[in-house]
Amino acid sequence: MPQLVSESALPLGNNVNVSAQVGDELWCSCHTTTADGFQIIGQPQLIGLISGFTDINNITYVEFDHNAVDIDDGALGEILQLCGTIFLSFKKDCSANISSLLGYYAEATFINNDYQNHNELFGVNAQVAISSK
């Protein structure tokens, strides 16, 4: 069972998604395995807004403000007690991140490093729109 370090911090290990940032919504889902061996991810629940990241002994902890969202006190502890393993995800604030990548130049290079096997690129797609004139 995952442990809360404090009322508002969870350990992430050392593989933190570089896109996660302060102000993003933090969501928690239970990850369980059935008797048949199937992996199941439960319904995600909003547990707070990310307020920072802390590194302690090579483990990164996500700090979050659970008072910023409508979650009952103790509900997070109940979620964690019911879960063997949790899956954390984050959601960007749509009002601040309303666009896709912006810029005037893009370059892509595709390299086949597997010379032993025949490989085929099925398709490449890019959505391009003029963002200013």
C-alpha atoms as a PDB file:
ATOM      1  CA  MET A   1       0.000   0.000   0.000  1.00  0.00           C
ATOM      2  CA  PRO A   2       1.391   3.427  -0.901  1.00  0.00           C
ATOM      3  CA  GLN A   3       2.181   5.638   2.044  1.00  0.00           C
ATOM      4  CA  LEU A   4       1.490   9.326   2.405  1.00  0.00           C
ATOM      5  CA  VAL A   5       4.703  10.993   3.545  1.00  0.00           C
ATOM      6  CA  SER A   6       2.623  13.812   4.928  1.00  0.00           C
ATOM      7  CA  GLU A   7      -0.990  14.826   4.442  1.00  0.00           C
ATOM      8  CA  SER A   8      -0.033  16.167   1.041  1.00  0.00           C
ATOM      9  CA  ALA A   9       2.940  14.257  -0.428  1.00  0.00           C
ATOM     10  CA  LEU A  10       3.254  10.932  -2.247  1.00  0.00           C
ATOM     11  CA  PRO A  11       6.442   9.166  -3.386  1.00  0.00           C
ATOM     12  CA  LEU A  12       6.941   8.928  -7.157  1.00  0.00           C
ATOM     13  CA  GLY A  13      10.259   7.080  -7.236  1.00  0.00           C
ATOM     14  CA  ASN A  14      12.745   8.462  -9.710  1.00  0.00           C
ATOM     15  CA  ASN A  15      10.741   8.398 -12.964  1.00  0.00           C
ATOM     16  CA  VAL A  16       8.839  11.669 -12.988  1.00  0.00           C
ATOM     17  CA  ASN A  17       7.126  12.821 -16.158  1.00  0.00           C
ATOM     18  CA  VAL A  18       8.877  16.043 -17.166  1.00  0.00           C
ATOM     19  CA  SER A  19       5.562  17.539 -18.310  1.00  0.00           C
ATOM     20  CA  ALA A  20       4.112  17.515 -14.781  1.00  0.00           C
ATOM     21  CA  GLN A  21       4.250  20.971 -13.270  1.00  0.00           C
ATOM     22  CA  VAL A  22       2.932  23.042 -10.402  1.00  0.00           C
ATOM     23  CA  GLY A  23      -0.765  23.801 -10.873  1.00  0.00           C
ATOM     24  CA  ASP A  24      -1.626  20.558 -12.699  1.00  0.00           C
ATOM     25  CA  GLU A  25      -4.441  18.416 -11.331  1.00  0.00           C
ATOM     26  CA  LEU A  26      -3.250  15.214  -9.621  1.00  0.00           C
ATOM     27  CA  TRP A  27      -5.405  12.121 -10.150  1.00  0.00           C
ATOM     28  CA  CYS A  28      -5.183   8.755  -8.384  1.00  0.00           C
ATOM     29  CA  SER A  29      -6.420   5.348  -9.592  1.00  0.00           C
ATOM     30  CA  CYS A  30      -6.259   1.955  -7.915  1.00  0.00           C
ATOM     31  CA  HIS A  31      -4.206  -0.623  -9.778  1.00  0.00           C
ATOM     32  CA  THR A  32      -5.172  -4.192  -8.989  1.00  0.00           C
ATOM     33  CA  THR A  33      -4.630  -7.663 -10.403  1.00  0.00           C
ATOM     34  CA  THR A  34      -7.539 -10.100 -10.577  1.00  0.00           C
ATOM     35  CA  ALA A  35      -7.283 -13.777  -9.724  1.00  0.00           C
ATOM     36  CA  ASP A  36      -7.126 -14.453 -13.477  1.00  0.00           C
ATOM     37  CA  GLY A  37      -4.040 -12.234 -13.761  1.00  0.00           C
ATOM     38  CA  PHE A  38      -5.753  -9.311 -15.502  1.00  0.00           C
ATOM     39  CA  GLN A  39      -4.496  -5.808 -14.683  1.00  0.00           C
ATOM     40  CA  ILE A  40      -7.286  -3.380 -13.786  1.00  0.00           C
ATOM     41  CA  ILE A  41      -7.046   0.381 -13.317  1.00  0.00           C
ATOM     42  CA  GLY A  42      -9.956   1.806 -11.345  1.00  0.00           C
ATOM     43  CA  GLN A  43     -11.860   5.022 -11.908  1.00  0.00           C
ATOM     44  CA  PRO A  44      -9.501   7.998 -11.421  1.00  0.00           C
ATOM     45  CA  GLN A  45     -10.224  10.391  -8.566  1.00  0.00           C
ATOM     46  CA  LEU A  46      -9.027  13.971  -8.332  1.00  0.00           C
ATOM     47  CA  ILE A  47      -6.921  14.272  -5.164  1.00  0.00           C
ATOM     48  CA  GLY A  48      -5.463  17.774  -5.464  1.00  0.00           C
ATOM     49  CA  LEU A  49      -3.399  20.314  -7.361  1.00  0.00           C
ATOM     50  CA  ILE A  50       0.345  19.786  -7.672  1.00  0.00           C
ATOM     51  CA  SER A  51       2.133  22.329  -5.492  1.00  0.00           C
ATOM     52  CA  GLY A  52       5.731  21.118  -5.920  1.00  0.00           C
ATOM     53  CA  PHE A  53       8.263  18.318  -6.094  1.00  0.00           C
ATOM     54  CA  THR A  54      10.831  17.323  -3.468  1.00  0.00           C
ATOM     55  CA  ASP A  55      13.822  14.980  -3.791  1.00  0.00           C
ATOM     56  CA  ILE A  56      14.787  13.023  -0.662  1.00  0.00           C
ATOM     57  CA  ASN A  57      17.383  10.214  -0.856  1.00  0.00           C
ATOM     58  CA  ASN A  58      16.987   9.862  -4.661  1.00  0.00           C
ATOM     59  CA  ILE A  59      13.205   9.522  -4.403  1.00  0.00           C
ATOM     60  CA  THR A  60      10.979  12.243  -5.821  1.00  0.00           C
ATOM     61  CA  TYR A  61       7.834  13.163  -3.908  1.00  0.00           C
ATOM     62  CA  VAL A  62       4.919  15.031  -5.436  1.00  0.00           C
ATOM     63  CA  GLU A  63       3.433  17.622  -3.113  1.00  0.00           C
ATOM     64  CA  PHE A  64      -0.185  18.532  -3.650  1.00  0.00           C
ATOM     65  CA  ASP A  65      -2.872  20.749  -2.189  1.00  0.00           C
ATOM     66  CA  HIS A  66      -5.915  18.593  -1.504  1.00  0.00           C
ATOM     67  CA  ASN A  67      -7.780  21.590  -0.075  1.00  0.00           C
ATOM     68  CA  ALA A  68      -7.875  23.157  -3.550  1.00  0.00           C
ATOM     69  CA  VAL A  69     -10.336  20.517  -4.767  1.00  0.00           C
ATOM     70  CA  ASP A  70     -13.570  19.101  -3.413  1.00  0.00           C
ATOM     71  CA  ILE A  71     -12.288  16.012  -1.557  1.00  0.00           C
ATOM     72  CA  ASP A  72     -13.280  15.023   1.957  1.00  0.00           C
ATOM     73  CA  ASP A  73     -10.616  14.964   4.651  1.00  0.00           C
ATOM     74  CA  GLY A  74      -9.497  11.373   5.078  1.00  0.00           C
ATOM     75  CA  ALA A  75     -10.822  10.313   1.664  1.00  0.00           C
ATOM     76  CA  LEU A  76      -7.304  10.082   0.254  1.00  0.00           C
ATOM     77  CA  GLY A  77      -6.234   7.837   3.133  1.00  0.00           C
ATOM     78  CA  GLU A  78      -9.234   5.595   2.443  1.00  0.00           C
ATOM     79  CA  ILE A  79      -8.346   5.424  -1.259  1.00  0.00           C
ATOM     80  CA  LEU A  80      -4.784   4.427  -0.439  1.00  0.00           C
ATOM     81  CA  GLN A  81      -5.884   1.779   2.081  1.00  0.00           C
ATOM     82  CA  LEU A  82      -8.133   0.136  -0.516  1.00  0.00           C
ATOM     83  CA  CYS A  83      -5.421   0.095  -3.183  1.00  0.00           C
ATOM     84  CA  GLY A  84      -2.557  -2.330  -3.341  1.00  0.00           C
ATOM     85  CA  THR A  85      -0.817  -0.091  -5.852  1.00  0.00           C
ATOM     86  CA  ILE A  86      -1.815   3.332  -7.109  1.00  0.00           C
ATOM     87  CA  PHE A  87      -1.467   4.879 -10.534  1.00  0.00           C
ATOM     88  CA  LEU A  88      -0.934   8.636 -10.463  1.00  0.00           C
ATOM     89  CA  SER A  89      -1.690  10.835 -13.436  1.00  0.00           C
ATOM     90  CA  PHE A  90      -1.909  14.552 -13.994  1.00  0.00           C
ATOM     91  CA  LYS A  91      -4.041  16.854 -16.099  1.00  0.00           C
ATOM     92  CA  LYS A  92      -3.000  20.200 -17.462  1.00  0.00           C
ATOM     93  CA  ASP A  93      -5.026  23.334 -16.805  1.00  0.00           C
ATOM     94  CA  CYS A  94      -6.832  23.870 -20.108  1.00  0.00           C
ATOM     95  CA  SER A  95      -7.071  27.627 -19.592  1.00  0.00           C
ATOM     96  CA  ALA A  96      -3.266  27.923 -19.530  1.00  0.00           C
ATOM     97  CA  ASN A  97      -2.445  25.211 -22.070  1.00  0.00           C
ATOM     98  CA  ILE A  98      -4.948  25.897 -24.836  1.00  0.00           C
ATOM     99  CA  SER A  99      -2.703  25.228 -27.797  1.00  0.00           C
ATOM    100  CA  SER A 100      -0.502  22.576 -29.243  1.00  0.00           C
ATOM    101  CA  LEU A 101       3.170  23.130 -29.981  1.00  0.00           C
ATOM    102  CA  LEU A 102       3.976  26.557 -31.354  1.00  0.00           C
ATOM    103  CA  GLY A 103       6.886  27.541 -33.520  1.00  0.00           C
ATOM    104  CA  TYR A 104       8.113  28.302 -36.999  1.00  0.00           C
ATOM    105  CA  TYR A 105      10.458  25.376 -37.597  1.00  0.00           C
ATOM    106  CA  ALA A 106      10.264  21.642 -37.193  1.00  0.00           C
ATOM    107  CA  GLU A 107      12.583  18.818 -38.172  1.00  0.00           C
ATOM    108  CA  ALA A 108      12.165  15.072 -37.870  1.00  0.00           C
ATOM    109  CA  THR A 109      14.737  12.362 -38.483  1.00  0.00           C
ATOM    110  CA  PHE A 110      13.832   8.681 -38.643  1.00  0.00           C
ATOM    111  CA  ILE A 111      16.692   6.209 -38.262  1.00  0.00           C
ATOM    112  CA  ASN A 112      16.464   2.435 -38.531  1.00  0.00           C
ATOM    113  CA  ASN A 113      19.018   1.013 -36.087  1.00  0.00           C
ATOM    114  CA  ASP A 114      17.786  -2.550 -36.503  1.00  0.00           C
ATOM    115  CA  TYR A 115      19.667  -3.760 -39.581  1.00  0.00           C
ATOM    116  CA  GLN A 116      18.850  -7.430 -38.945  1.00  0.00           C
ATOM    117  CA  ASN A 117      15.101  -7.111 -39.550  1.00  0.00           C
ATOM    118  CA  HIS A 118      12.993  -5.475 -42.229  1.00  0.00           C
ATOM    119  CA  ASN A 119      11.124  -2.489 -40.751  1.00  0.00           C
ATOM    120  CA  GLU A 120       8.491  -0.351 -42.366  1.00  0.00           C
ATOM    121  CA  LEU A 121       7.191   3.008 -41.247  1.00  0.00           C
ATOM    122  CA  PHE A 122       3.427   2.879 -41.581  1.00  0.00           C
ATOM    123  CA  GLY A 123       2.718   6.598 -41.396  1.00  0.00           C
ATOM    124  CA  VAL A 124       3.733   9.965 -40.088  1.00  0.00           C
ATOM    125  CA  ASN A 125       1.315  12.795 -39.499  1.00  0.00           C
ATOM    126  CA  ALA A 126       1.597  16.404 -38.414  1.00  0.00           C
ATOM    127  CA  GLN A 127      -1.080  18.990 -37.894  1.00  0.00           C
ATOM    128  CA  VAL A 128       0.252  22.353 -38.983  1.00  0.00           C
ATOM    129  CA  ALA A 129      -1.561  25.684 -38.818  1.00  0.00           C
ATOM    130  CA  ILE A 130      -0.368  29.234 -39.270  1.00  0.00           C
ATOM    131  CA  SER A 131      -0.412  30.803 -35.806  1.00  0.00           C
ATOM    132  CA  SER A 132       0.428  34.381 -36.823  1.00  0.00           C
ATOM    133  CA  LYS A 133       0.731  36.587 -39.892  1.00  0.00           C
END
